[in-house]
Amino acid sequence: MNKKVNSIIIVCITCFCFKSIGQKSVKPDITNIKNLTVVNREVAISKEAGKVIVHLNSMAGDGIAWINNINFEKGAIEFDVKGKNILQQSFVGIAFHGADDRTFDAVYFRPFNFQSPDQVRKSHSVQYVSMPQFDWSLLRENYPGKYENILVSSVDPVSWFHAKVVIEADKIAVYVNNDAKPSLVVSPLAKRATGKIGFWVGNNSDGDFANLSITQ
């Protein structure tokens, strides 16, 4: 009996070790603007209470700050983000599997909808898109409620919140703050399996980002 128990323990430890070896967690250096390639935005880097903040300003059209020298396949992307409570002027999130400045997947939030009394608007709080073929308008028209959703828990639209995007070959799950349940689960629409990662903001939107962590 003891030999059987010992064998089980050894197998469990071995499996855990192999799993740990397969996972690589990195925190890209976002303290230096030279480590970012910025598209259609101006970027400012500052510190607040020990937190390094990347700020993208507001302009017409979408904007991205690609993180240089990062190629992401699958795993988890975690970051802190802050938008604002102004209707149609706060779209903040993360782009991934980027092939170029127009071809990427993204998960983003609409903070101005987080606590809206309008339940339809509230159900548009978190969104998945796959650009350029599947933008939000096409997805909402053809697949209403499938690629956007309400948040599991209440979030202040003008405060920092934590986002975790878990990307697998056949599933993308989005968690907010300490929620055990994802606020959005979708199947990826693009066939791209790898690519760049970047902070993303939407039309006429600025945004603040911090504490980026990537686990592959």
Protein backbone atom coordinates (compact mmCIF):
# COMPACT_ATOMS: atom_id res chain seq x y z
CA MET A 1 0.00 0.00 0.00
CA ASN A 2 2.80 2.41 0.91
CA LYS A 3 4.56 1.65 -2.37
CA LYS A 4 1.35 2.46 -4.27
CA VAL A 5 0.92 5.76 -2.42
CA ASN A 6 4.54 6.68 -3.03
CA SER A 7 4.17 5.92 -6.74
CA ILE A 8 1.13 8.17 -6.98
CA ILE A 9 2.97 10.98 -5.22
CA ILE A 10 5.96 10.67 -7.55
CA VAL A 11 3.72 10.74 -10.63
CA CYS A 12 1.90 13.85 -9.36
CA ILE A 13 5.15 15.65 -8.60
CA THR A 14 6.56 14.73 -12.01
CA CYS A 15 3.46 15.99 -13.81
CA PHE A 16 3.57 19.23 -11.84
CA CYS A 17 7.23 19.75 -12.65
CA PHE A 18 6.70 19.20 -16.37
CA LYS A 19 3.75 21.59 -16.34
CA SER A 20 5.81 24.23 -14.54
CA ILE A 21 8.69 23.82 -16.98
CA GLY A 22 6.29 24.31 -19.91
CA GLN A 23 4.99 27.60 -18.55
CA LYS A 24 7.06 30.74 -18.99
CA SER A 25 5.86 33.84 -17.16
CA VAL A 26 7.37 37.18 -18.14
CA LYS A 27 6.74 40.79 -17.17
CA PRO A 28 7.81 42.93 -20.14
CA ASP A 29 9.71 46.11 -19.37
CA ILE A 30 7.21 48.88 -20.07
CA THR A 31 9.22 51.55 -18.24
CA ASN A 32 11.04 52.52 -21.46
CA ILE A 33 9.13 53.92 -24.41
CA LYS A 34 11.72 52.32 -26.71
CA ASN A 35 10.21 48.94 -25.84
CA LEU A 36 6.90 49.96 -27.42
CA THR A 37 5.88 50.40 -31.04
CA VAL A 38 2.97 52.83 -31.01
CA VAL A 39 0.34 53.03 -33.75
CA ASN A 40 -2.00 56.04 -34.12
CA ARG A 41 -1.43 57.31 -30.60
CA GLU A 42 1.02 59.23 -28.43
CA VAL A 43 2.30 57.42 -25.38
CA ALA A 44 3.40 58.71 -21.97
CA ILE A 45 4.99 56.64 -19.21
CA SER A 46 4.69 57.68 -15.57
CA LYS A 47 4.78 56.26 -12.05
CA GLU A 48 2.01 56.38 -9.48
CA ALA A 49 2.33 54.77 -6.04
CA GLY A 50 5.09 52.53 -7.38
CA LYS A 51 3.04 51.49 -10.40
CA VAL A 52 4.47 52.10 -13.89
CA ILE A 53 1.64 53.44 -16.07
CA VAL A 54 1.49 53.48 -19.85
CA HIS A 55 -0.95 56.14 -21.03
CA LEU A 56 -2.29 56.24 -24.59
CA ASN A 57 -3.94 59.50 -25.56
CA SER A 58 -7.29 59.99 -27.30
CA MET A 59 -7.45 60.23 -31.10
CA ALA A 60 -9.80 59.28 -33.90
CA GLY A 61 -9.50 55.62 -34.87
CA ASP A 62 -8.08 52.69 -32.96
CA GLY A 63 -4.64 52.78 -31.38
CA ILE A 64 -2.14 50.15 -30.25
CA ALA A 65 1.10 50.10 -28.29
CA TRP A 66 2.78 46.86 -29.37
CA ILE A 67 5.21 45.32 -26.87
CA ASN A 68 8.48 44.79 -28.73
CA ASN A 69 10.11 41.35 -28.94
CA ILE A 70 7.13 39.44 -27.55
CA ASN A 71 5.56 36.64 -29.57
CA PHE A 72 2.55 35.03 -27.95
CA GLU A 73 0.87 31.72 -28.80
CA LYS A 74 -1.37 30.58 -25.94
CA GLY A 75 -1.53 31.05 -22.19
CA ALA A 76 -2.61 34.00 -20.05
CA ILE A 77 -2.26 37.76 -20.47
CA GLU A 78 -2.85 39.79 -17.31
CA PHE A 79 -2.86 43.57 -16.91
CA ASP A 80 -4.35 46.44 -14.94
CA VAL A 81 -6.38 48.94 -16.92
CA LYS A 82 -8.34 52.14 -16.33
CA GLY A 83 -10.79 53.89 -18.63
CA LYS A 84 -13.43 56.54 -18.00
CA ASN A 85 -17.17 56.91 -17.67
CA ILE A 86 -17.83 58.89 -20.84
CA LEU A 87 -20.23 57.41 -23.36
CA GLN A 88 -18.54 56.11 -26.53
CA GLN A 89 -15.15 57.47 -25.44
CA SER A 90 -13.64 54.64 -23.43
CA PHE A 91 -12.64 51.42 -25.16
CA VAL A 92 -9.63 49.81 -23.46
CA GLY A 93 -8.10 46.36 -23.76
CA ILE A 94 -5.42 44.09 -25.17
CA ALA A 95 -4.56 43.04 -28.73
CA PHE A 96 -2.94 39.66 -29.32
CA HIS A 97 -1.93 37.31 -32.15
CA GLY A 98 -1.07 40.43 -34.09
CA ALA A 99 0.22 39.91 -37.63
CA ASP A 100 0.35 43.64 -38.41
CA ASP A 101 -1.27 46.91 -37.32
CA ARG A 102 -4.64 45.94 -38.82
CA THR A 103 -4.66 42.17 -38.35
CA PHE A 104 -5.06 40.94 -34.77
CA ASP A 105 -7.51 39.64 -32.18
CA ALA A 106 -8.50 41.79 -29.22
CA VAL A 107 -10.45 41.72 -25.99
CA TYR A 108 -11.58 45.10 -24.74
CA PHE A 109 -13.86 46.76 -22.23
CA ARG A 110 -16.38 49.59 -22.36
CA PRO A 111 -16.21 51.09 -18.83
CA PHE A 112 -19.01 53.55 -19.59
CA ASN A 113 -21.35 50.53 -19.76
CA PHE A 114 -20.21 48.84 -16.54
CA GLN A 115 -22.90 50.32 -14.31
CA SER A 116 -25.40 51.55 -16.84
CA PRO A 117 -29.07 51.22 -15.77
CA ASP A 118 -29.75 50.12 -19.35
CA GLN A 119 -29.31 46.34 -19.33
CA VAL A 120 -28.64 46.23 -23.07
CA ARG A 121 -25.74 48.66 -22.69
CA LYS A 122 -24.53 46.77 -19.64
CA SER A 123 -24.42 43.56 -21.68
CA HIS A 124 -21.89 45.28 -23.95
CA SER A 125 -19.26 45.70 -21.19
CA VAL A 126 -16.63 43.27 -22.52
CA GLN A 127 -16.03 42.47 -26.19
CA TYR A 128 -13.98 40.09 -28.35
CA VAL A 129 -13.11 41.01 -31.94
CA SER A 130 -10.90 39.57 -34.67
CA MET A 131 -9.70 42.28 -37.00
CA PRO A 132 -10.14 43.23 -39.73
CA GLN A 133 -12.77 40.68 -40.72
CA PHE A 134 -14.83 40.48 -37.53
CA ASP A 135 -15.24 43.88 -35.91
CA TRP A 136 -17.75 44.60 -33.14
CA SER A 137 -20.52 45.86 -35.43
CA LEU A 138 -20.52 42.78 -37.64
CA LEU A 139 -20.43 40.45 -34.64
CA ARG A 140 -23.23 42.28 -32.84
CA GLU A 141 -25.43 42.26 -35.94
CA ASN A 142 -24.86 38.62 -36.89
CA TYR A 143 -24.18 37.01 -33.50
CA PRO A 144 -25.94 39.16 -30.87
CA GLY A 145 -24.76 38.41 -27.34
CA LYS A 146 -22.18 35.83 -28.41
CA TYR A 147 -18.98 37.88 -28.48
CA GLU A 148 -19.80 40.50 -25.82
CA ASN A 149 -21.21 40.25 -22.33
CA ILE A 150 -21.95 41.82 -18.96
CA LEU A 151 -19.27 41.61 -16.24
CA VAL A 152 -19.73 38.99 -13.54
CA SER A 153 -19.16 41.51 -10.72
CA SER A 154 -19.73 45.25 -10.37
CA VAL A 155 -16.72 47.36 -11.41
CA ASP A 156 -16.25 51.10 -10.93
CA PRO A 157 -15.96 52.58 -14.45
CA VAL A 158 -13.35 55.18 -13.43
CA SER A 159 -11.11 52.96 -11.25
CA TRP A 160 -8.30 50.55 -12.02
CA PHE A 161 -9.36 46.95 -12.53
CA HIS A 162 -7.46 43.76 -13.29
CA ALA A 163 -8.07 41.75 -16.44
CA LYS A 164 -6.93 38.22 -17.21
CA VAL A 165 -7.36 36.85 -20.72
CA VAL A 166 -6.75 33.10 -21.01
CA ILE A 167 -6.15 32.04 -24.61
CA GLU A 168 -6.24 28.42 -25.69
CA ALA A 169 -6.39 26.86 -29.14
CA ASP A 170 -10.18 26.60 -29.06
CA LYS A 171 -11.26 28.98 -26.30
CA ILE A 172 -10.74 32.51 -25.00
CA ALA A 173 -11.88 33.31 -21.45
CA VAL A 174 -11.88 36.76 -19.85
CA TYR A 175 -11.74 37.23 -16.07
CA VAL A 176 -12.06 40.53 -14.21
CA ASN A 177 -10.53 41.26 -10.79
CA ASN A 178 -10.83 38.21 -8.51
CA ASP A 179 -13.82 36.59 -10.20
CA ALA A 180 -13.63 32.80 -10.32
CA LYS A 181 -16.12 32.79 -13.19
CA PRO A 182 -15.22 34.35 -16.55
CA SER A 183 -17.20 37.34 -17.78
CA LEU A 184 -16.80 36.20 -21.40
CA VAL A 185 -16.00 32.87 -23.06
CA VAL A 186 -15.72 32.63 -26.85
CA SER A 187 -14.13 30.51 -29.54
CA PRO A 188 -11.43 32.35 -31.52
CA LEU A 189 -12.49 33.45 -34.98
CA ALA A 190 -9.04 33.76 -36.57
CA LYS A 191 -6.80 30.94 -37.71
CA ARG A 192 -3.70 32.77 -36.49
CA ALA A 193 -2.11 30.82 -33.66
CA THR A 194 0.62 33.27 -32.71
CA GLY A 195 1.62 36.91 -32.97
CA LYS A 196 2.29 40.23 -31.24
CA ILE A 197 0.72 41.62 -28.05
CA GLY A 198 -0.18 45.25 -27.44
CA PHE A 199 -2.25 47.63 -25.34
CA TRP A 200 -5.33 48.62 -27.36
CA VAL A 201 -7.67 51.62 -27.28
CA GLY A 202 -10.65 52.34 -29.51
CA ASN A 203 -11.96 55.28 -31.47
CA ASN A 204 -11.73 58.60 -29.58
CA SER A 205 -10.49 56.76 -26.49
CA ASP A 206 -7.50 57.11 -24.22
CA GLY A 207 -6.48 54.59 -21.56
CA ASP A 208 -4.06 53.70 -18.78
CA PHE A 209 -2.30 50.34 -18.49
CA ALA A 210 0.01 48.74 -15.91
CA ASN A 211 1.34 45.46 -14.47
CA LEU A 212 1.45 43.49 -17.71
CA SER A 213 2.25 39.81 -17.18
CA ILE A 214 2.37 37.10 -19.83
CA THR A 215 2.36 33.36 -19.15
CA GLN A 216 2.95 31.04 -22.08
